[in-house]
Protein backbone atom coordinates (compact mmCIF):
# COMPACT_ATOMS: atom_id res chain seq x y z
CA MET A 1 21.72 -12.53 -25.03
CA ASN A 2 25.18 -14.11 -25.08
CA GLN A 3 24.98 -17.89 -25.24
CA LEU A 4 27.97 -18.20 -22.89
CA GLU A 5 26.29 -16.23 -20.11
CA THR A 6 24.84 -18.06 -17.12
CA THR A 7 21.22 -17.59 -16.12
CA GLU A 8 22.36 -15.61 -13.07
CA GLU A 9 24.42 -13.26 -15.26
CA VAL A 10 21.40 -12.73 -17.49
CA PHE A 11 19.22 -11.94 -14.48
CA GLN A 12 21.76 -9.46 -13.17
CA LYS A 13 21.69 -7.64 -16.50
CA LEU A 14 17.91 -7.54 -16.44
CA TYR A 15 17.79 -6.19 -12.91
CA LYS A 16 20.49 -3.62 -13.63
CA ARG A 17 18.45 -2.40 -16.58
CA LEU A 18 15.31 -2.15 -14.45
CA GLY A 19 17.38 -0.16 -11.97
CA GLU A 20 18.32 2.25 -14.75
CA ILE A 21 14.70 2.68 -15.84
CA PHE A 22 12.92 2.73 -12.50
CA GLY A 23 15.62 2.80 -9.81
CA PHE A 24 14.45 -0.50 -8.31
CA SER A 25 16.64 -2.33 -5.82
CA ILE A 26 15.91 -6.01 -6.46
CA THR A 27 17.05 -8.56 -3.90
CA GLU A 28 17.74 -12.23 -4.60
CA SER A 29 14.56 -13.31 -2.82
CA GLN A 30 12.54 -11.19 -5.28
CA HIS A 31 14.02 -12.70 -8.45
CA ASP A 32 11.25 -15.22 -9.11
CA THR A 33 8.49 -12.70 -8.45
CA VAL A 34 10.07 -10.05 -10.67
CA LEU A 35 10.64 -12.55 -13.47
CA HIS A 36 6.99 -13.58 -13.24
CA HIS A 37 5.86 -9.96 -13.57
CA LEU A 38 8.28 -9.35 -16.46
CA LYS A 39 6.76 -12.25 -18.37
CA ASP A 40 3.26 -10.85 -17.80
CA ALA A 41 4.46 -7.45 -19.08
CA ALA A 42 5.99 -9.10 -22.13
CA LYS A 43 2.66 -10.79 -22.94
CA ASP A 44 0.87 -7.44 -22.74
CA CYS A 45 3.43 -5.98 -25.14
CA GLY A 46 3.10 -8.87 -27.57
CA LYS A 47 6.61 -10.14 -26.82
CA GLN A 48 7.83 -13.70 -26.31
CA THR A 49 8.37 -14.70 -22.70
CA ASP A 50 11.32 -17.10 -22.87
CA ILE A 51 14.41 -15.80 -21.12
CA GLU A 52 16.37 -15.09 -24.32
CA HIS A 53 13.69 -12.92 -25.93
CA LEU A 54 12.80 -11.34 -22.58
CA CYS A 55 16.40 -10.31 -22.09
CA ASP A 56 16.73 -8.89 -25.60
CA TRP A 57 13.55 -6.87 -25.12
CA ILE A 58 14.34 -5.38 -21.70
CA LEU A 59 17.93 -4.54 -22.64
CA ASP A 60 16.73 -2.64 -25.71
CA ASN A 61 17.54 1.02 -25.11
CA LYS A 62 14.64 2.06 -27.33
CA LEU A 63 11.76 0.90 -25.17
CA SER A 64 8.69 2.95 -26.05
CA GLU A 65 6.78 5.05 -23.56
CA ASN A 66 3.91 2.55 -23.78
CA GLU A 67 6.26 -0.37 -23.04
CA ILE A 68 7.70 1.45 -20.01
CA ASN A 69 4.17 2.15 -18.78
CA ILE A 70 3.27 -1.52 -19.12
CA LEU A 71 6.41 -2.52 -17.21
CA ALA A 72 5.52 -0.02 -14.48
CA ARG A 73 1.99 -1.43 -14.34
CA HIS A 74 3.30 -4.93 -13.64
CA LEU A 75 6.35 -4.15 -11.51
CA THR A 76 4.89 -1.63 -9.08
CA ILE A 77 2.35 -2.70 -6.49
CA GLY A 78 0.71 0.15 -4.64
CA GLU A 79 -0.57 -0.69 -1.17
CA THR A 80 -2.28 2.26 0.40
CA TYR A 81 -5.42 3.34 2.19
CA PHE A 82 -7.03 6.50 3.49
CA PHE A 83 -5.46 8.27 6.49
CA ARG A 84 -2.45 5.98 6.58
CA GLU A 85 0.26 6.47 9.22
CA LYS A 86 -1.49 8.88 11.58
CA VAL A 87 1.74 10.30 13.03
CA ALA A 88 2.48 12.08 9.72
CA LEU A 89 -1.06 13.37 9.39
CA THR A 90 -0.91 14.69 12.96
CA LEU A 91 2.15 16.74 11.98
CA PHE A 92 0.34 17.97 8.87
CA VAL A 93 -2.81 19.08 10.72
CA GLN A 94 -1.36 20.30 14.01
CA LYS A 95 1.86 21.99 12.87
CA ILE A 96 2.33 22.44 9.13
CA ILE A 97 -1.11 23.76 8.13
CA PRO A 98 -1.50 26.15 11.11
CA GLU A 99 1.97 27.61 10.44
CA LEU A 100 1.23 28.11 6.74
CA ILE A 101 -2.16 29.68 7.48
CA SER A 102 -0.54 32.05 9.96
CA ASP A 103 2.20 33.06 7.49
CA ARG A 104 -0.19 33.61 4.57
CA SER A 105 -3.50 34.58 6.17
CA ARG A 106 -3.55 38.15 4.86
CA GLU A 107 -2.26 37.82 1.32
CA ASN A 108 -0.69 35.23 -0.96
CA LYS A 109 -3.11 32.60 0.27
CA TYR A 110 -1.62 29.64 -1.51
CA LEU A 111 -0.46 26.14 -0.62
CA ASN A 112 1.62 23.78 -2.74
CA ILE A 113 1.67 20.14 -1.69
CA TRP A 114 3.06 17.17 -3.59
CA CYS A 115 2.37 13.46 -3.04
CA ALA A 116 5.15 11.61 -4.87
CA GLY A 117 4.26 7.98 -5.51
CA CYS A 118 0.56 8.51 -4.81
CA SER A 119 -0.53 5.05 -6.03
CA SER A 120 -4.34 4.90 -6.32
CA GLY A 121 -4.95 8.28 -4.72
CA GLU A 122 -5.92 7.56 -1.14
CA GLU A 123 -3.05 9.66 0.28
CA PRO A 124 -3.62 12.93 -1.64
CA TYR A 125 -7.38 12.64 -1.17
CA SER A 126 -6.80 12.16 2.57
CA LEU A 127 -4.79 15.39 2.61
CA ALA A 128 -7.50 17.18 0.63
CA ILE A 129 -10.13 16.06 3.15
CA LEU A 130 -7.93 17.22 6.03
CA LEU A 131 -7.47 20.62 4.38
CA LYS A 132 -11.23 20.88 3.93
CA GLU A 133 -11.78 19.97 7.58
CA THR A 134 -9.02 22.29 8.88
CA ILE A 135 -9.20 25.52 6.84
CA SER A 136 -12.48 27.35 7.44
CA ASP A 137 -12.12 29.77 4.50
CA LEU A 138 -10.77 27.18 2.06
CA THR A 139 -12.51 28.78 -0.94
CA HIS A 140 -10.30 31.87 -0.51
CA TRP A 141 -7.13 29.84 -0.85
CA ASP A 142 -5.26 28.81 -3.99
CA ILE A 143 -4.39 25.21 -3.18
CA ARG A 144 -2.36 23.05 -5.55
CA LEU A 145 -2.29 19.47 -4.40
CA TYR A 146 -0.17 17.54 -6.89
CA ALA A 147 -0.12 13.73 -6.96
CA THR A 148 2.18 11.68 -9.19
CA ASP A 149 2.89 8.03 -9.80
CA ILE A 150 4.62 5.87 -12.39
CA ASN A 151 1.82 3.31 -12.66
CA PRO A 152 -0.87 4.38 -15.19
CA ASP A 153 -3.43 1.91 -13.81
CA ALA A 154 -3.05 3.33 -10.31
CA LEU A 155 -3.50 6.86 -11.64
CA SER A 156 -6.61 5.83 -13.56
CA LYS A 157 -8.15 4.44 -10.38
CA ALA A 158 -7.11 7.57 -8.47
CA LYS A 159 -8.79 9.87 -10.99
CA SER A 160 -12.03 7.87 -10.79
CA GLY A 161 -12.25 8.38 -7.01
CA LEU A 162 -13.98 5.01 -6.69
CA TYR A 163 -12.92 2.73 -3.83
CA THR A 164 -13.88 -0.46 -2.02
CA ASN A 165 -13.88 -1.12 1.72
CA TRP A 166 -10.22 -2.20 1.49
CA SER A 167 -9.26 1.48 1.35
CA PHE A 168 -11.08 2.54 4.54
CA ARG A 169 -9.51 0.45 7.27
CA GLU A 170 -8.25 3.56 9.12
CA THR A 171 -11.12 5.90 8.24
CA GLU A 172 -13.67 7.20 10.73
CA GLU A 173 -17.24 6.48 9.72
CA ASN A 174 -18.32 10.12 9.92
CA ILE A 175 -15.62 11.12 7.42
CA LYS A 176 -16.51 8.23 5.14
CA ASP A 177 -20.19 9.19 5.24
CA LYS A 178 -19.45 12.87 4.69
CA TYR A 179 -17.18 12.61 1.65
CA PHE A 180 -18.17 9.34 -0.04
CA LYS A 181 -21.38 8.03 -1.54
CA LYS A 182 -22.12 4.32 -1.45
CA THR A 183 -22.73 2.89 -4.92
CA GLY A 184 -23.20 -0.88 -4.80
CA ARG A 185 -20.05 -2.31 -3.24
CA PHE A 186 -18.05 0.83 -4.05
CA PHE A 187 -17.67 4.25 -2.44
CA GLN A 188 -17.52 7.30 -4.73
CA LEU A 189 -15.54 10.33 -3.54
CA ASN A 190 -17.40 13.61 -3.89
CA ASP A 191 -16.46 15.97 -6.72
CA GLU A 192 -15.32 18.83 -4.49
CA ILE A 193 -12.47 16.76 -3.03
CA LYS A 194 -11.63 15.20 -6.40
CA ARG A 195 -11.18 18.66 -7.93
CA MET A 196 -8.62 19.57 -5.28
CA VAL A 197 -6.07 17.03 -6.57
CA GLN A 198 -4.14 17.15 -9.84
CA PHE A 199 -2.75 13.77 -10.96
CA ASP A 200 0.13 13.17 -13.37
CA ASN A 201 2.45 10.38 -14.49
CA LEU A 202 5.99 10.86 -13.22
CA ASN A 203 9.10 8.70 -12.82
CA LEU A 204 11.05 10.01 -9.84
CA ILE A 205 14.46 9.02 -11.20
CA THR A 206 14.05 11.03 -14.43
CA PRO A 207 14.46 14.82 -14.71
CA PHE A 208 11.23 16.43 -13.58
CA ALA A 209 11.92 19.90 -12.19
CA SER A 210 10.61 21.46 -15.42
CA ALA A 211 7.29 19.57 -15.31
CA ASP A 212 4.18 21.74 -15.47
CA ILE A 213 3.17 20.95 -11.89
CA PHE A 214 6.34 22.63 -10.58
CA LYS A 215 6.17 25.84 -12.63
CA ARG A 216 4.90 28.03 -9.80
CA GLN A 217 5.92 28.81 -6.21
CA PRO A 218 8.21 26.29 -4.48
CA ILE A 219 6.61 23.28 -2.80
CA ASP A 220 5.53 23.63 0.85
CA VAL A 221 5.27 19.94 1.69
CA ILE A 222 6.39 16.76 -0.08
CA PHE A 223 4.88 13.44 0.96
CA CYS A 224 6.83 10.46 -0.34
CA ARG A 225 5.98 7.46 1.84
CA ASN A 226 6.73 3.78 1.29
CA VAL A 227 8.23 4.52 -2.13
CA LEU A 228 11.95 5.14 -1.69
CA MET A 229 12.45 1.94 0.32
CA TYR A 230 12.23 -0.01 -2.96
CA LEU A 231 14.96 2.00 -4.71
CA GLN A 232 18.74 1.84 -4.94
CA PRO A 233 20.75 3.96 -2.44
CA GLU A 234 22.23 6.26 -5.09
CA LYS A 235 18.77 6.81 -6.59
CA ILE A 236 17.30 7.65 -3.18
CA MET A 237 19.95 10.29 -2.56
CA LEU A 238 19.45 11.70 -6.06
CA ILE A 239 15.72 12.02 -5.46
CA ALA A 240 16.27 13.51 -2.00
CA GLY A 241 18.41 16.19 -3.62
CA LYS A 242 15.65 16.95 -6.12
CA PHE A 243 13.08 17.18 -3.36
CA HIS A 244 15.34 19.56 -1.46
CA SER A 245 15.72 21.87 -4.47
CA LEU A 246 11.95 21.98 -5.11
CA LEU A 247 10.97 22.74 -1.50
CA ARG A 248 10.81 26.30 -0.23
CA GLU A 249 13.11 27.22 2.62
CA GLY A 250 11.48 25.73 5.72
CA GLY A 251 9.45 23.28 3.63
CA PHE A 252 8.75 19.77 4.89
CA PHE A 253 9.70 16.35 3.50
CA ILE A 254 7.60 13.55 4.99
CA THR A 255 8.62 9.96 4.48
CA SER A 256 7.44 6.78 6.18
CA GLN A 257 8.73 6.02 9.66
CA VAL A 258 10.22 2.75 8.35
CA GLU A 259 12.25 4.66 5.72
CA LEU A 260 14.03 7.10 8.05
CA ASN A 261 17.70 7.37 7.19
CA ASP A 262 19.86 10.36 8.07
CA THR A 263 22.48 9.43 5.47
CA TYR A 264 20.03 9.23 2.59
CA PHE A 265 18.35 12.46 3.67
CA ALA A 266 21.39 14.31 5.01
CA VAL A 267 20.51 17.41 2.97
CA PHE A 268 17.57 17.91 5.32
CA HIS A 269 17.30 18.99 8.94
CA ARG A 270 15.90 16.15 11.05
CA PHE A 271 13.31 16.91 13.74
CA ARG A 272 10.91 15.06 16.01
CA TYR A 273 7.21 15.76 16.39
CA GLU A 274 4.99 13.78 18.74
CA ASN A 275 6.10 10.16 18.18
CA GLY A 276 7.47 10.63 14.67
CA ILE A 277 10.65 11.80 12.95
CA PHE A 278 10.51 14.08 9.91
CA TYR A 279 12.71 16.25 7.69
CA GLN A 280 12.75 19.95 6.89
CA LYS A 281 14.66 22.17 4.46
CA ILE A 282 16.85 24.40 6.59
CA THR A 283 19.81 25.01 4.32
CA GLN A 284 22.32 26.50 6.74
CA LYS A 285 22.18 23.48 9.05
CA VAL A 286 23.08 20.77 6.56
CA LYS A 287 25.62 19.81 3.94
CA LYS A 288 25.27 17.41 1.05
CA PRO A 289 27.19 14.14 1.52
CA GLU A 290 29.14 12.24 -1.07
CA LEU A 291 28.01 8.77 -2.03
CA THR A 292 31.18 6.73 -1.70
CA GLN A 293 31.37 2.94 -1.58
CA GLN A 294 32.16 3.22 2.13
CA ASN A 295 29.12 5.45 2.58
CA VAL A 296 26.84 2.96 0.82
CA GLN A 297 28.10 0.19 3.10
CA LYS A 298 27.47 2.41 6.12
CA ILE A 299 23.93 3.12 4.87
CA GLN A 300 23.21 -0.58 4.56
CA GLU A 301 24.53 -1.27 8.07
CA ILE A 302 22.49 1.58 9.55
CA SER A 303 19.36 0.42 7.72
CA LYS A 304 19.83 -3.11 9.05
CA GLU A 305 20.32 -1.84 12.59
CA LYS A 306 17.24 0.40 12.38
CA LYS A 307 15.03 -2.36 11.07
CA THR A 308 16.22 -4.63 13.88
CA SER A 309 15.63 -1.87 16.43
CA LEU A 310 12.11 -1.24 15.12
CA LEU A 311 11.24 -4.90 15.36
CA GLN A 312 12.67 -5.19 18.88
CA LYS A 313 10.76 -2.11 19.98
CA ALA A 314 7.53 -3.43 18.54
CA ARG A 315 8.06 -6.78 20.22
CA SER A 316 8.37 -5.03 23.58
CA ILE A 317 5.08 -3.20 22.97
CA HIS A 318 2.97 -5.85 21.25
CA PRO A 319 2.66 -9.29 22.87
CA LEU A 320 3.00 -11.85 20.12
CA ILE A 321 0.99 -15.00 19.80
CA GLN A 322 3.30 -17.72 18.57
CA GLU A 323 1.90 -20.47 16.43
CA LYS A 324 1.57 -23.80 18.25
CA THR A 325 3.74 -26.45 16.66
CA ALA A 326 4.27 -30.11 17.31
CA ALA A 327 7.07 -31.19 19.61
CA VAL A 328 10.29 -32.27 17.91
CA SER A 329 12.72 -34.87 18.98
CA THR A 330 16.03 -33.90 17.36
CA LYS A 331 18.23 -30.85 17.88
CA GLU A 332 18.14 -30.16 14.15
CA ASN A 333 14.34 -30.06 14.08
CA ALA A 334 14.28 -27.99 17.27
CA SER A 335 16.61 -25.45 15.62
CA ALA A 336 14.43 -25.32 12.50
CA LEU A 337 11.35 -24.86 14.67
CA GLU A 338 13.03 -22.03 16.58
CA ASN A 339 14.03 -20.35 13.30
CA PHE A 340 10.46 -20.69 12.04
CA ASP A 341 9.02 -19.16 15.21
CA ASN A 342 11.48 -16.26 15.03
CA LEU A 343 10.62 -15.58 11.40
CA LEU A 344 6.89 -15.70 12.14
CA GLN A 345 7.31 -13.43 15.16
CA ASN A 346 9.28 -10.89 13.12
CA ALA A 347 6.71 -11.08 10.32
CA GLN A 348 3.86 -10.43 12.77
CA THR A 349 5.73 -7.45 14.17
CA ALA A 350 6.55 -6.04 10.73
CA TYR A 351 2.87 -6.48 9.81
CA ARG A 352 1.87 -4.29 12.76
CA LEU A 353 4.41 -1.73 11.54
CA LYS A 354 2.86 -2.02 8.06
CA SER A 355 6.28 -2.86 6.58
CA TYR A 356 4.69 -5.25 4.12
CA ASP A 357 7.73 -5.87 1.92
CA SER A 358 9.60 -7.15 4.98
CA VAL A 359 6.60 -9.26 6.00
CA LYS A 360 6.55 -11.00 2.63
CA LYS A 361 10.26 -11.81 2.73
CA LEU A 362 10.06 -13.18 6.26
CA LEU A 363 6.97 -15.28 5.55
CA VAL A 364 8.40 -16.79 2.37
CA LYS A 365 11.39 -17.99 4.41
CA ALA A 366 9.11 -19.23 7.20
CA ILE A 367 6.98 -21.19 4.76
CA GLU A 368 10.11 -22.79 3.33
CA LEU A 369 10.71 -24.22 6.83
CA ASN A 370 7.07 -25.11 7.49
CA GLY A 371 4.87 -25.11 4.42
CA ASN A 372 1.87 -26.35 6.41
CA SER A 373 1.74 -23.43 8.84
CA HIS A 374 -1.80 -22.06 8.83
CA GLY A 375 -0.71 -18.87 10.59
CA ALA A 376 2.14 -18.06 8.19
CA LEU A 377 0.04 -18.76 5.10
CA LEU A 378 -2.92 -16.75 6.37
CA LEU A 379 -0.76 -13.73 7.20
CA LEU A 380 0.93 -13.90 3.79
CA ILE A 381 -2.48 -13.98 2.08
CA LYS A 382 -3.55 -10.86 4.01
CA VAL A 383 -0.36 -9.00 3.10
CA LEU A 384 -0.56 -9.94 -0.57
CA ALA A 385 -4.20 -8.85 -0.66
CA ASN A 386 -3.41 -5.56 1.12
CA THR A 387 -0.64 -4.80 -1.39
CA GLY A 388 -2.86 -5.55 -4.36
CA ASP A 389 -1.10 -8.74 -5.46
CA LEU A 390 -4.40 -10.59 -5.72
CA THR A 391 -3.20 -13.37 -8.01
CA GLU A 392 -0.50 -14.40 -5.54
CA ALA A 393 -2.93 -14.04 -2.65
CA ALA A 394 -5.36 -16.39 -4.38
CA LYS A 395 -2.54 -18.88 -5.04
CA TYR A 396 -1.57 -19.10 -1.38
CA ALA A 397 -5.23 -19.18 -0.37
CA SER A 398 -5.66 -22.25 -2.55
CA LYS A 399 -2.69 -23.85 -0.80
CA LEU A 400 -4.23 -23.17 2.61
CA GLU A 401 -7.56 -24.56 1.47
CA LYS A 402 -5.83 -27.77 0.43
CA LEU A 403 -4.59 -28.08 4.02
CA ASN A 404 -8.28 -28.27 4.97
CA TYR A 405 -8.22 -24.99 6.88
CA GLN A 406 -11.83 -24.32 7.89
CA ASN A 407 -12.61 -20.81 9.15
CA ALA A 408 -15.42 -18.42 8.23
CA GLY A 409 -13.18 -15.35 8.33
CA PHE A 410 -10.68 -17.06 6.03
CA PHE A 411 -13.36 -17.92 3.48
CA LEU A 412 -14.62 -14.32 3.63
CA LEU A 413 -11.10 -13.06 2.94
CA ILE A 414 -10.76 -15.32 -0.11
CA ALA A 415 -14.19 -14.28 -1.33
CA ILE A 416 -13.29 -10.58 -1.17
CA ILE A 417 -10.06 -11.30 -3.07
CA TYR A 418 -12.01 -13.06 -5.81
CA MET A 419 -14.58 -10.25 -5.90
CA GLU A 420 -11.73 -7.78 -6.42
CA MET A 421 -10.53 -10.02 -9.27
CA ASN A 422 -14.11 -10.08 -10.64
CA ASN A 423 -14.18 -13.86 -10.31
CA LEU A 424 -17.71 -13.94 -8.92
CA PRO A 425 -18.38 -17.71 -9.14
CA GLU A 426 -15.36 -18.47 -6.92
CA ALA A 427 -16.30 -15.60 -4.61
CA GLU A 428 -19.83 -16.95 -4.22
CA LYS A 429 -18.50 -20.42 -3.44
CA ARG A 430 -16.28 -19.08 -0.61
CA LEU A 431 -19.04 -16.93 0.86
CA GLN A 432 -21.32 -19.96 0.96
CA GLN A 433 -18.52 -21.87 2.73
CA ALA A 434 -18.16 -19.05 5.26
CA LEU A 435 -21.89 -19.15 5.99
CA TYR A 436 -21.82 -22.94 6.24
CA GLN A 437 -19.14 -22.57 8.93
CA GLN A 438 -20.95 -19.69 10.63
CA PRO A 439 -24.56 -19.07 9.46
CA ASP A 440 -24.86 -15.78 11.41
CA HIS A 441 -21.65 -14.29 9.95
CA ILE A 442 -22.89 -10.79 9.10
CA ALA A 443 -19.97 -9.64 6.92
CA ALA A 444 -20.12 -12.82 4.82
CA ARG A 445 -23.86 -12.53 4.25
CA TRP A 446 -23.61 -8.82 3.44
CA ASN A 447 -20.91 -9.50 0.84
CA LEU A 448 -23.04 -12.27 -0.61
CA SER A 449 -25.94 -9.84 -0.99
CA GLN A 450 -23.64 -7.39 -2.79
CA LEU A 451 -22.35 -10.17 -5.05
CA TYR A 452 -25.92 -10.97 -6.12
CA ALA A 453 -26.50 -7.26 -6.67
CA MET A 454 -23.49 -7.22 -9.00
CA LEU A 455 -24.96 -10.21 -10.86
CA GLY A 456 -28.33 -8.45 -11.13
CA ASP A 457 -30.04 -11.29 -9.25
CA LYS A 458 -32.69 -9.28 -7.39
CA ASN A 459 -34.42 -12.30 -5.86
CA ARG A 460 -31.34 -13.78 -4.20
CA GLU A 461 -30.15 -10.29 -3.20
CA ALA A 462 -33.49 -9.66 -1.45
CA LYS A 463 -33.32 -13.06 0.25
CA GLN A 464 -29.94 -12.22 1.76
CA TYR A 465 -31.27 -8.86 3.01
CA GLU A 466 -34.17 -10.69 4.68
CA LEU A 467 -31.79 -13.10 6.44
CA LEU A 468 -29.51 -10.23 7.45
CA MET A 469 -32.32 -8.21 8.97
CA ARG A 470 -33.42 -11.28 10.91
CA ASN A 471 -29.91 -11.69 12.38
CA LEU A 472 -29.46 -7.96 13.03
CA SER A 473 -32.76 -7.70 14.92
CA LEU A 474 -31.20 -9.78 17.72
CA LEU A 475 -28.27 -7.38 18.22
CA GLU A 476 -27.75 -3.94 19.75
CA SER A 477 -27.76 -1.04 17.24
CA GLY A 478 -24.51 0.43 18.54
CA GLN A 479 -22.57 -2.83 18.34
CA LYS A 480 -19.72 -2.80 15.83
CA ILE A 481 -19.58 -5.56 13.22
CA ASP A 482 -16.45 -7.67 12.87
CA GLU A 483 -14.66 -7.37 9.51
CA MET A 484 -16.80 -4.45 8.34
CA GLU A 485 -14.48 -1.51 9.00
CA GLY A 486 -16.15 -0.37 12.24
CA MET A 487 -19.70 -0.25 10.87
CA THR A 488 -22.40 -0.64 13.53
CA ILE A 489 -25.51 -2.81 13.48
CA GLY A 490 -27.71 0.28 13.22
CA GLN A 491 -25.77 1.68 10.27
CA LEU A 492 -25.99 -1.61 8.40
CA LYS A 493 -29.75 -1.78 9.02
CA GLU A 494 -30.15 1.68 7.49
CA MET A 495 -28.04 0.68 4.51
CA ILE A 496 -30.08 -2.48 3.93
CA GLN A 497 -33.36 -0.55 4.17
CA TYR A 498 -32.05 1.92 1.59
CA GLN A 499 -30.96 -0.90 -0.75
CA MET A 500 -34.32 -2.66 -0.39
CA ASN A 501 -36.26 0.52 -1.22
CA ASN A 502 -34.22 1.46 -4.28
């Protein structure tokens, strides 16, 4: 580190280096968060965390594979869940799979599918389940379902096939019951589906065409959703070119609906199916663009326009509930209040679109204008929890608690965050607070029973089951339970009976 350099110049060097290693596009609003994660990575690597030593370490061109893995572990946050973004899965089940089955039903019964940036495995396992549900003679097919990610911790979780309720917020109960076995507070994926997916560590911006997973027939379908949006424009186009070369002619590239960009993906043919837009390799219809400075600027303008259009469209569909705020007397305060409301509205809309990175940015700005907003803080906590940033979620939860926010659902949310962090004493405290606010809160009492099960406290676990059964006996069996992923009263009764008898 040069002593004459400013802090900003040092940061720019750090972020440029991270761009070279991972392809990340780091905005100014992310600087503090990235620096925080870099310091955590340095600690894990036994390095000093002051800015001078941090800079010297990151700028070292001889970072080991282990050091790069540790950086990836801290700098990538995978937010995913089973059966995410139904419009893409509809295309997969209704168009792609039937066409492939028709083309290969007599001989060469093979399928090659790749999930790039698979995080903790929910996406490839969702595809495996859909293949199992769709193809009647699946055992006669040679199916290679590849799943890659840069984060070794995410891959470790994926290979275990062990998930909590956080991963099932879009999953039908019959599918969950069919392919997962309840074990305590976790759900274990069955071995048949696990065997269908091959996981591997892969950095998308490095050469990878020669990797073992690509040494057979070309790929039929590439899923890469909510990954490229975090990368630099030139890296996105580089990766798009690689995807194009690995796909068979007519193969499909499926990205998230919030990542659509015809300039980034100009090597592909763009088509619409149902309510979604997707890309396909049809060579004769496209030409590869050049990435000029003017082109990059055009990309940025188009991206900005599309994001604005998406938000406007969502606002026209989803009525928004604006947070009530106190009346203001000055024009300056009125303007600040209007800006806050706009930011919160946009954040709520982006949350419905599951564009969580945008939500975080908007809410951070909103909280700068009104740090006491219960609604903004609560939404930020949910987003941070959904994206796996539990430490930050707990930090903002503590801030909201200090504002004396009293709500059973809020205390349940904090409790689940602490349970995910294995901080059971704090989780127990919040669950007790939830039940103090609302003694008949079923989800809170169920989680408390599972917490005591984790602690091995059979007596208190049994007591919670007794109280639960008393509350459930007053309700209809078919009634769905709030905050329990669509579970019904009858299903919970059966689960409790099973737990009590085992």
